[in-house]
């Protein structure tokens, strides 16, 4: 199984080359990169936990938090652009 297949599937859901996209203001490449980064950071955090490297775990968690906030900003911004007449 491809290690990032979940990230690939989610990025296709948000933006696909077809006309049926969730949001036309999200590029598939940007969304895919965002999800791959999230999965890589989460994997690294799990490894540091297993290795009982708690300081590295905390540092990676801080990166995950910042990255999750960036993800939410990207998605929220695209929603506002898609439905600007509602804001």
PDB file of N, CA and C in Angstrom:
ATOM      1  N   UNK A   1       0.847  -1.187   0.000  1.00  0.00           N
ATOM      2  CA  UNK A   1       0.000   0.000   0.000  1.00  0.00           C
ATOM      3  C   UNK A   1       0.884   1.239   0.000  1.00  0.00           C
ATOM      4  N   UNK A   2       0.549   2.173  -0.817  1.00  0.00           N
ATOM      5  CA  UNK A   2       1.287   3.419  -0.923  1.00  0.00           C
ATOM      6  C   UNK A   2       1.167   4.171   0.401  1.00  0.00           C
ATOM      7  N   UNK A   3       2.301   4.578   1.009  1.00  0.00           N
ATOM      8  CA  UNK A   3       2.225   5.149   2.358  1.00  0.00           C
ATOM      9  C   UNK A   3       1.404   6.435   2.466  1.00  0.00           C
ATOM     10  N   UNK A   4       1.283   7.158   1.375  1.00  0.00           N
ATOM     11  CA  UNK A   4       0.538   8.413   1.442  1.00  0.00           C
ATOM     12  C   UNK A   4      -0.764   8.342   0.644  1.00  0.00           C
ATOM     13  N   UNK A   5      -1.301   7.135   0.464  1.00  0.00           N
ATOM     14  CA  UNK A   5      -2.518   6.999  -0.337  1.00  0.00           C
ATOM     15  C   UNK A   5      -3.692   7.759   0.272  1.00  0.00           C
ATOM     16  N   UNK A   6      -3.742   7.840   1.598  1.00  0.00           N
ATOM     17  CA  UNK A   6      -4.805   8.592   2.248  1.00  0.00           C
ATOM     18  C   UNK A   6      -4.693  10.078   1.907  1.00  0.00           C
ATOM     19  N   UNK A   7      -3.491  10.620   1.947  1.00  0.00           N
ATOM     20  CA  UNK A   7      -3.285  12.025   1.581  1.00  0.00           C
ATOM     21  C   UNK A   7      -3.623  12.283   0.128  1.00  0.00           C
ATOM     22  N   UNK A   8      -3.274  11.331  -0.738  1.00  0.00           N
ATOM     23  CA  UNK A   8      -3.598  11.467  -2.154  1.00  0.00           C
ATOM     24  C   UNK A   8      -5.105  11.454  -2.361  1.00  0.00           C
ATOM     25  N   UNK A   9      -5.785  10.528  -1.696  1.00  0.00           N
ATOM     26  CA  UNK A   9      -7.248  10.434  -1.823  1.00  0.00           C
ATOM     27  C   UNK A   9      -7.928  11.707  -1.332  1.00  0.00           C
ATOM     28  N   UNK A  10      -7.465  12.231  -0.208  1.00  0.00           N
ATOM     29  CA  UNK A  10      -8.063  13.462   0.321  1.00  0.00           C
ATOM     30  C   UNK A  10      -7.811  14.643  -0.609  1.00  0.00           C
ATOM     31  N   UNK A  11      -6.612  14.724  -1.181  1.00  0.00           N
ATOM     32  CA  UNK A  11      -6.333  15.838  -2.081  1.00  0.00           C
ATOM     33  C   UNK A  11      -7.192  15.751  -3.341  1.00  0.00           C
ATOM     34  N   UNK A  12      -7.466  14.535  -3.809  1.00  0.00           N
ATOM     35  CA  UNK A  12      -8.362  14.375  -4.958  1.00  0.00           C
ATOM     36  C   UNK A  12      -9.782  14.795  -4.604  1.00  0.00           C
ATOM     37  N   UNK A  13     -10.188  14.529  -3.383  1.00  0.00           N
ATOM     38  CA  UNK A  13     -11.527  14.907  -2.944  1.00  0.00           C
ATOM     39  C   UNK A  13     -11.696  16.424  -2.975  1.00  0.00           C
ATOM     40  N   UNK A  14     -10.679  17.140  -2.483  1.00  0.00           N
ATOM     41  CA  UNK A  14     -10.779  18.600  -2.443  1.00  0.00           C
ATOM     42  C   UNK A  14     -10.667  19.230  -3.821  1.00  0.00           C
ATOM     43  N   UNK A  15      -9.862  18.639  -4.675  1.00  0.00           N
ATOM     44  CA  UNK A  15      -9.665  19.238  -5.994  1.00  0.00           C
ATOM     45  C   UNK A  15      -9.263  18.145  -6.963  1.00  0.00           C
ATOM     46  N   UNK A  16     -10.087  17.912  -7.952  1.00  0.00           N
ATOM     47  CA  UNK A  16      -9.750  16.936  -8.981  1.00  0.00           C
ATOM     48  C   UNK A  16      -9.809  17.616 -10.339  1.00  0.00           C
ATOM     49  N   UNK A  17      -9.144  17.024 -11.317  1.00  0.00           N
ATOM     50  CA  UNK A  17      -9.139  17.645 -12.654  1.00  0.00           C
ATOM     51  C   UNK A  17     -10.523  17.711 -13.306  1.00  0.00           C
ATOM     52  N   UNK A  18     -11.449  16.917 -12.829  1.00  0.00           N
ATOM     53  CA  UNK A  18     -12.791  16.937 -13.421  1.00  0.00           C
ATOM     54  C   UNK A  18     -13.527  18.218 -13.026  1.00  0.00           C
ATOM     55  N   UNK A  19     -14.696  18.372 -13.529  1.00  0.00           N
ATOM     56  CA  UNK A  19     -15.493  19.554 -13.197  1.00  0.00           C
ATOM     57  C   UNK A  19     -16.185  19.421 -11.855  1.00  0.00           C
ATOM     58  N   UNK A  20     -16.133  18.247 -11.250  1.00  0.00           N
ATOM     59  CA  UNK A  20     -16.795  18.009  -9.970  1.00  0.00           C
ATOM     60  C   UNK A  20     -15.779  18.140  -8.835  1.00  0.00           C
ATOM     61  N   UNK A  21     -15.556  19.343  -8.392  1.00  0.00           N
ATOM     62  CA  UNK A  21     -14.612  19.594  -7.314  1.00  0.00           C
ATOM     63  C   UNK A  21     -15.349  20.154  -6.115  1.00  0.00           C
ATOM     64  N   UNK A  22     -14.799  19.909  -4.962  1.00  0.00           N
ATOM     65  CA  UNK A  22     -15.383  20.492  -3.754  1.00  0.00           C
ATOM     66  C   UNK A  22     -15.166  21.994  -3.761  1.00  0.00           C
ATOM     67  N   UNK A  23     -13.955  22.416  -4.163  1.00  0.00           N
ATOM     68  CA  UNK A  23     -13.665  23.846  -4.153  1.00  0.00           C
ATOM     69  C   UNK A  23     -12.676  24.179  -5.263  1.00  0.00           C
ATOM     70  N   UNK A  24     -13.076  25.007  -6.213  1.00  0.00           N
ATOM     71  CA  UNK A  24     -12.190  25.345  -7.329  1.00  0.00           C
ATOM     72  C   UNK A  24     -11.019  26.249  -6.925  1.00  0.00           C
ATOM     73  N   UNK A  25     -11.021  26.766  -5.714  1.00  0.00           N
ATOM     74  CA  UNK A  25      -9.953  27.657  -5.257  1.00  0.00           C
ATOM     75  C   UNK A  25      -8.841  26.912  -4.519  1.00  0.00           C
ATOM     76  N   UNK A  26      -8.912  25.593  -4.501  1.00  0.00           N
ATOM     77  CA  UNK A  26      -7.855  24.772  -3.912  1.00  0.00           C
ATOM     78  C   UNK A  26      -7.190  23.992  -5.036  1.00  0.00           C
ATOM     79  N   UNK A  27      -5.890  24.175  -5.206  1.00  0.00           N
ATOM     80  CA  UNK A  27      -5.202  23.395  -6.227  1.00  0.00           C
ATOM     81  C   UNK A  27      -4.874  22.019  -5.666  1.00  0.00           C
ATOM     82  N   UNK A  28      -4.983  21.021  -6.511  1.00  0.00           N
ATOM     83  CA  UNK A  28      -4.714  19.658  -6.057  1.00  0.00           C
ATOM     84  C   UNK A  28      -3.281  19.534  -5.557  1.00  0.00           C
ATOM     85  N   UNK A  29      -2.333  20.172  -6.240  1.00  0.00           N
ATOM     86  CA  UNK A  29      -0.930  20.095  -5.829  1.00  0.00           C
ATOM     87  C   UNK A  29      -0.717  20.674  -4.435  1.00  0.00           C
ATOM     88  N   UNK A  30      -1.315  21.825  -4.168  1.00  0.00           N
ATOM     89  CA  UNK A  30      -1.157  22.458  -2.851  1.00  0.00           C
ATOM     90  C   UNK A  30      -1.797  21.622  -1.752  1.00  0.00           C
ATOM     91  N   UNK A  31      -2.978  21.100  -2.023  1.00  0.00           N
ATOM     92  CA  UNK A  31      -3.678  20.281  -1.029  1.00  0.00           C
ATOM     93  C   UNK A  31      -2.916  18.978  -0.791  1.00  0.00           C
ATOM     94  N   UNK A  32      -2.436  18.367  -1.873  1.00  0.00           N
ATOM     95  CA  UNK A  32      -1.677  17.123  -1.743  1.00  0.00           C
ATOM     96  C   UNK A  32      -0.402  17.354  -0.938  1.00  0.00           C
ATOM     97  N   UNK A  33       0.308  18.419  -1.227  1.00  0.00           N
ATOM     98  CA  UNK A  33       1.525  18.749  -0.479  1.00  0.00           C
ATOM     99  C   UNK A  33       1.206  18.955   1.005  1.00  0.00           C
ATOM    100  N   UNK A  34       0.110  19.622   1.272  1.00  0.00           N
ATOM    101  CA  UNK A  34      -0.313  19.896   2.638  1.00  0.00           C
ATOM    102  C   UNK A  34      -0.611  18.588   3.391  1.00  0.00           C
ATOM    103  N   UNK A  35      -1.363  17.689   2.777  1.00  0.00           N
ATOM    104  CA  UNK A  35      -1.687  16.429   3.440  1.00  0.00           C
ATOM    105  C   UNK A  35      -0.467  15.531   3.583  1.00  0.00           C
ATOM    106  N   UNK A  36       0.418  15.513   2.578  1.00  0.00           N
ATOM    107  CA  UNK A  36       1.641  14.710   2.684  1.00  0.00           C
ATOM    108  C   UNK A  36       2.505  15.208   3.839  1.00  0.00           C
ATOM    109  N   UNK A  37       2.604  16.515   3.985  1.00  0.00           N
ATOM    110  CA  UNK A  37       3.385  17.078   5.088  1.00  0.00           C
ATOM    111  C   UNK A  37       2.771  16.678   6.423  1.00  0.00           C
ATOM    112  N   UNK A  38       1.457  16.743   6.511  1.00  0.00           N
ATOM    113  CA  UNK A  38       0.767  16.365   7.743  1.00  0.00           C
ATOM    114  C   UNK A  38       1.044  14.898   8.088  1.00  0.00           C
ATOM    115  N   UNK A  39       0.948  14.031   7.098  1.00  0.00           N
ATOM    116  CA  UNK A  39       1.195  12.606   7.333  1.00  0.00           C
ATOM    117  C   UNK A  39       2.647  12.342   7.713  1.00  0.00           C
ATOM    118  N   UNK A  40       3.586  13.020   7.078  1.00  0.00           N
ATOM    119  CA  UNK A  40       5.004  12.840   7.396  1.00  0.00           C
ATOM    120  C   UNK A  40       5.299  13.295   8.822  1.00  0.00           C
ATOM    121  N   UNK A  41       4.759  14.442   9.205  1.00  0.00           N
ATOM    122  CA  UNK A  41       4.969  14.936  10.570  1.00  0.00           C
ATOM    123  C   UNK A  41       4.349  13.994  11.597  1.00  0.00           C
ATOM    124  N   UNK A  42       3.156  13.496  11.310  1.00  0.00           N
ATOM    125  CA  UNK A  42       2.482  12.582  12.235  1.00  0.00           C
ATOM    126  C   UNK A  42       3.284  11.290  12.388  1.00  0.00           C
ATOM    127  N   UNK A  43       3.812  10.780  11.274  1.00  0.00           N
ATOM    128  CA  UNK A  43       4.642   9.575  11.330  1.00  0.00           C
ATOM    129  C   UNK A  43       5.896   9.836  12.162  1.00  0.00           C
ATOM    130  N   UNK A  44       6.533  10.978  11.944  1.00  0.00           N
ATOM    131  CA  UNK A  44       7.739  11.313  12.712  1.00  0.00           C
ATOM    132  C   UNK A  44       7.439  11.439  14.198  1.00  0.00           C
ATOM    133  N   UNK A  45       6.281  11.995  14.509  1.00  0.00           N
ATOM    134  CA  UNK A  45       5.910  12.109  15.915  1.00  0.00           C
ATOM    135  C   UNK A  45       5.720  10.732  16.544  1.00  0.00           C
ATOM    136  N   UNK A  46       5.084   9.825  15.818  1.00  0.00           N
ATOM    137  CA  UNK A  46       4.886   8.465  16.334  1.00  0.00           C
ATOM    138  C   UNK A  46       6.224   7.775  16.571  1.00  0.00           C
ATOM    139  N   UNK A  47       7.155   7.963  15.666  1.00  0.00           N
ATOM    140  CA  UNK A  47       8.481   7.351  15.815  1.00  0.00           C
ATOM    141  C   UNK A  47       9.199   7.904  17.039  1.00  0.00           C
ATOM    142  N   UNK A  48       9.155   9.214  17.222  1.00  0.00           N
ATOM    143  CA  UNK A  48       9.836   9.791  18.398  1.00  0.00           C
ATOM    144  C   UNK A  48       9.188   9.346  19.697  1.00  0.00           C
ATOM    145  N   UNK A  49       7.861   9.134  19.670  1.00  0.00           N
ATOM    146  CA  UNK A  49       7.164   8.628  20.865  1.00  0.00           C
ATOM    147  C   UNK A  49       7.639   7.215  21.196  1.00  0.00           C
ATOM    148  N   UNK A  50       7.676   6.367  20.169  1.00  0.00           N
ATOM    149  CA  UNK A  50       8.113   4.985  20.369  1.00  0.00           C
ATOM    150  C   UNK A  50       9.550   4.943  20.880  1.00  0.00           C
ATOM    151  N   UNK A  51      10.380   5.850  20.382  1.00  0.00           N
ATOM    152  CA  UNK A  51      11.784   5.903  20.806  1.00  0.00           C
ATOM    153  C   UNK A  51      11.970   6.596  22.152  1.00  0.00           C
ATOM    154  N   UNK A  52      10.886   7.055  22.726  1.00  0.00           N
ATOM    155  CA  UNK A  52      10.894   7.771  24.006  1.00  0.00           C
ATOM    156  C   UNK A  52      11.779   9.021  23.974  1.00  0.00           C
ATOM    157  N   UNK A  53      11.798   9.655  22.802  1.00  0.00           N
ATOM    158  CA  UNK A  53      12.526  10.906  22.632  1.00  0.00           C
ATOM    159  C   UNK A  53      11.498  12.030  22.802  1.00  0.00           C
ATOM    160  N   UNK A  54      11.199  12.319  24.051  1.00  0.00           N
ATOM    161  CA  UNK A  54      10.061  13.182  24.363  1.00  0.00           C
ATOM    162  C   UNK A  54      10.268  14.639  23.944  1.00  0.00           C
ATOM    163  N   UNK A  55      11.490  15.132  24.013  1.00  0.00           N
ATOM    164  CA  UNK A  55      11.721  16.515  23.583  1.00  0.00           C
ATOM    165  C   UNK A  55      11.477  16.649  22.079  1.00  0.00           C
ATOM    166  N   UNK A  56      11.956  15.689  21.299  1.00  0.00           N
ATOM    167  CA  UNK A  56      11.713  15.718  19.854  1.00  0.00           C
ATOM    168  C   UNK A  56      10.218  15.573  19.560  1.00  0.00           C
ATOM    169  N   UNK A  57       9.542  14.760  20.363  1.00  0.00           N
ATOM    170  CA  UNK A  57       8.102  14.584  20.206  1.00  0.00           C
ATOM    171  C   UNK A  57       7.364  15.905  20.407  1.00  0.00           C
ATOM    172  N   UNK A  58       7.747  16.637  21.430  1.00  0.00           N
ATOM    173  CA  UNK A  58       7.124  17.944  21.697  1.00  0.00           C
ATOM    174  C   UNK A  58       7.420  18.914  20.557  1.00  0.00           C
ATOM    175  N   UNK A  59       8.663  18.904  20.075  1.00  0.00           N
ATOM    176  CA  UNK A  59       9.039  19.794  18.975  1.00  0.00           C
ATOM    177  C   UNK A  59       8.232  19.484  17.712  1.00  0.00           C
ATOM    178  N   UNK A  60       8.074  18.201  17.417  1.00  0.00           N
ATOM    179  CA  UNK A  60       7.304  17.810  16.236  1.00  0.00           C
ATOM    180  C   UNK A  60       5.828  18.146  16.427  1.00  0.00           C
ATOM    181  N   UNK A  61       5.326  17.959  17.640  1.00  0.00           N
ATOM    182  CA  UNK A  61       3.931  18.330  17.894  1.00  0.00           C
ATOM    183  C   UNK A  61       3.713  19.816  17.600  1.00  0.00           C
ATOM    184  N   UNK A  62       4.665  20.654  17.999  1.00  0.00           N
ATOM    185  CA  UNK A  62       4.554  22.086  17.710  1.00  0.00           C
ATOM    186  C   UNK A  62       4.496  22.338  16.201  1.00  0.00           C
ATOM    187  N   UNK A  63       5.288  21.583  15.437  1.00  0.00           N
ATOM    188  CA  UNK A  63       5.251  21.701  13.978  1.00  0.00           C
ATOM    189  C   UNK A  63       3.901  21.249  13.433  1.00  0.00           C
ATOM    190  N   UNK A  64       3.373  20.158  13.993  1.00  0.00           N
ATOM    191  CA  UNK A  64       2.067  19.647  13.554  1.00  0.00           C
ATOM    192  C   UNK A  64       0.978  20.681  13.829  1.00  0.00           C
ATOM    193  N   UNK A  65       1.045  21.300  14.994  1.00  0.00           N
ATOM    194  CA  UNK A  65       0.038  22.315  15.330  1.00  0.00           C
ATOM    195  C   UNK A  65       0.089  23.480  14.347  1.00  0.00           C
ATOM    196  N   UNK A  66       1.289  23.971  14.050  1.00  0.00           N
ATOM    197  CA  UNK A  66       1.433  25.084  13.101  1.00  0.00           C
ATOM    198  C   UNK A  66       0.953  24.679  11.708  1.00  0.00           C
ATOM    199  N   UNK A  67       1.279  23.461  11.305  1.00  0.00           N
ATOM    200  CA  UNK A  67       0.886  22.978   9.998  1.00  0.00           C
ATOM    201  C   UNK A  67      -0.630  22.790   9.921  1.00  0.00           C
ATOM    202  N   UNK A  68      -1.242  22.306  10.985  1.00  0.00           N
ATOM    203  CA  UNK A  68      -2.701  22.139  11.012  1.00  0.00           C
ATOM    204  C   UNK A  68      -3.408  23.487  10.921  1.00  0.00           C
ATOM    205  N   UNK A  69      -2.854  24.489  11.579  1.00  0.00           N
ATOM    206  CA  UNK A  69      -3.435  25.833  11.483  1.00  0.00           C
ATOM    207  C   UNK A  69      -3.302  26.382  10.066  1.00  0.00           C
ATOM    208  N   UNK A  70      -2.175  26.114   9.415  1.00  0.00           N
ATOM    209  CA  UNK A  70      -1.984  26.544   8.025  1.00  0.00           C
ATOM    210  C   UNK A  70      -2.976  25.827   7.106  1.00  0.00           C
ATOM    211  N   UNK A  71      -3.205  24.525   7.382  1.00  0.00           N
ATOM    212  CA  UNK A  71      -4.188  23.768   6.595  1.00  0.00           C
ATOM    213  C   UNK A  71      -5.573  24.393   6.738  1.00  0.00           C
ATOM    214  N   UNK A  72      -5.951  24.693   7.956  1.00  0.00           N
ATOM    215  CA  UNK A  72      -7.289  25.256   8.180  1.00  0.00           C
ATOM    216  C   UNK A  72      -7.411  26.637   7.543  1.00  0.00           C
ATOM    217  N   UNK A  73      -6.332  27.422   7.588  1.00  0.00           N
ATOM    218  CA  UNK A  73      -6.355  28.735   6.935  1.00  0.00           C
ATOM    219  C   UNK A  73      -6.534  28.601   5.428  1.00  0.00           C
ATOM    220  N   UNK A  74      -5.828  27.637   4.834  1.00  0.00           N
ATOM    221  CA  UNK A  74      -5.928  27.439   3.392  1.00  0.00           C
ATOM    222  C   UNK A  74      -7.348  27.032   2.996  1.00  0.00           C
ATOM    223  N   UNK A  75      -7.908  26.093   3.723  1.00  0.00           N
ATOM    224  CA  UNK A  75      -9.248  25.599   3.403  1.00  0.00           C
ATOM    225  C   UNK A  75     -10.302  26.675   3.680  1.00  0.00           C
ATOM    226  N   UNK A  76     -10.178  27.381   4.807  1.00  0.00           N
ATOM    227  CA  UNK A  76     -11.138  28.441   5.131  1.00  0.00           C
ATOM    228  C   UNK A  76     -11.075  29.565   4.096  1.00  0.00           C
ATOM    229  N   UNK A  77      -9.864  29.924   3.683  1.00  0.00           N
ATOM    230  CA  UNK A  77      -9.716  30.966   2.658  1.00  0.00           C
ATOM    231  C   UNK A  77     -10.387  30.576   1.352  1.00  0.00           C
ATOM    232  N   UNK A  78     -10.242  29.305   0.968  1.00  0.00           N
ATOM    233  CA  UNK A  78     -10.870  28.829  -0.260  1.00  0.00           C
ATOM    234  C   UNK A  78     -12.394  28.829  -0.137  1.00  0.00           C
ATOM    235  N   UNK A  79     -12.900  28.508   1.042  1.00  0.00           N
ATOM    236  CA  UNK A  79     -14.354  28.525   1.267  1.00  0.00           C
ATOM    237  C   UNK A  79     -14.884  29.951   1.153  1.00  0.00           C
ATOM    238  N   UNK A  80     -14.168  30.898   1.738  1.00  0.00           N
ATOM    239  CA  UNK A  80     -14.586  32.304   1.656  1.00  0.00           C
ATOM    240  C   UNK A  80     -14.587  32.768   0.209  1.00  0.00           C
ATOM    241  N   UNK A  81     -13.553  32.386  -0.575  1.00  0.00           N
ATOM    242  CA  UNK A  81     -13.513  32.787  -1.987  1.00  0.00           C
ATOM    243  C   UNK A  81     -14.642  32.138  -2.785  1.00  0.00           C
ATOM    244  N   UNK A  82     -14.935  30.868  -2.467  1.00  0.00           N
ATOM    245  CA  UNK A  82     -15.982  30.164  -3.209  1.00  0.00           C
ATOM    246  C   UNK A  82     -17.369  30.736  -2.910  1.00  0.00           C
ATOM    247  N   UNK A  83     -17.587  31.126  -1.671  1.00  0.00           N
ATOM    248  CA  UNK A  83     -18.901  31.620  -1.263  1.00  0.00           C
ATOM    249  C   UNK A  83     -18.823  33.060  -0.766  1.00  0.00           C
ATOM    250  N   UNK A  84     -18.069  33.887  -1.489  1.00  0.00           N
ATOM    251  CA  UNK A  84     -17.832  35.272  -1.047  1.00  0.00           C
ATOM    252  C   UNK A  84     -19.134  36.068  -0.894  1.00  0.00           C
ATOM    253  N   UNK A  85     -20.148  35.719  -1.630  1.00  0.00           N
ATOM    254  CA  UNK A  85     -21.421  36.424  -1.535  1.00  0.00           C
ATOM    255  C   UNK A  85     -22.140  36.175  -0.214  1.00  0.00           C
ATOM    256  N   UNK A  86     -21.676  35.196   0.549  1.00  0.00           N
ATOM    257  CA  UNK A  86     -22.283  34.919   1.848  1.00  0.00           C
ATOM    258  C   UNK A  86     -21.551  35.615   3.001  1.00  0.00           C
ATOM    259  N   UNK A  87     -20.411  36.203   2.701  1.00  0.00           N
ATOM    260  CA  UNK A  87     -19.618  36.834   3.758  1.00  0.00           C
ATOM    261  C   UNK A  87     -19.652  38.327   3.668  1.00  0.00           C
TER     262      UNK A  87
END
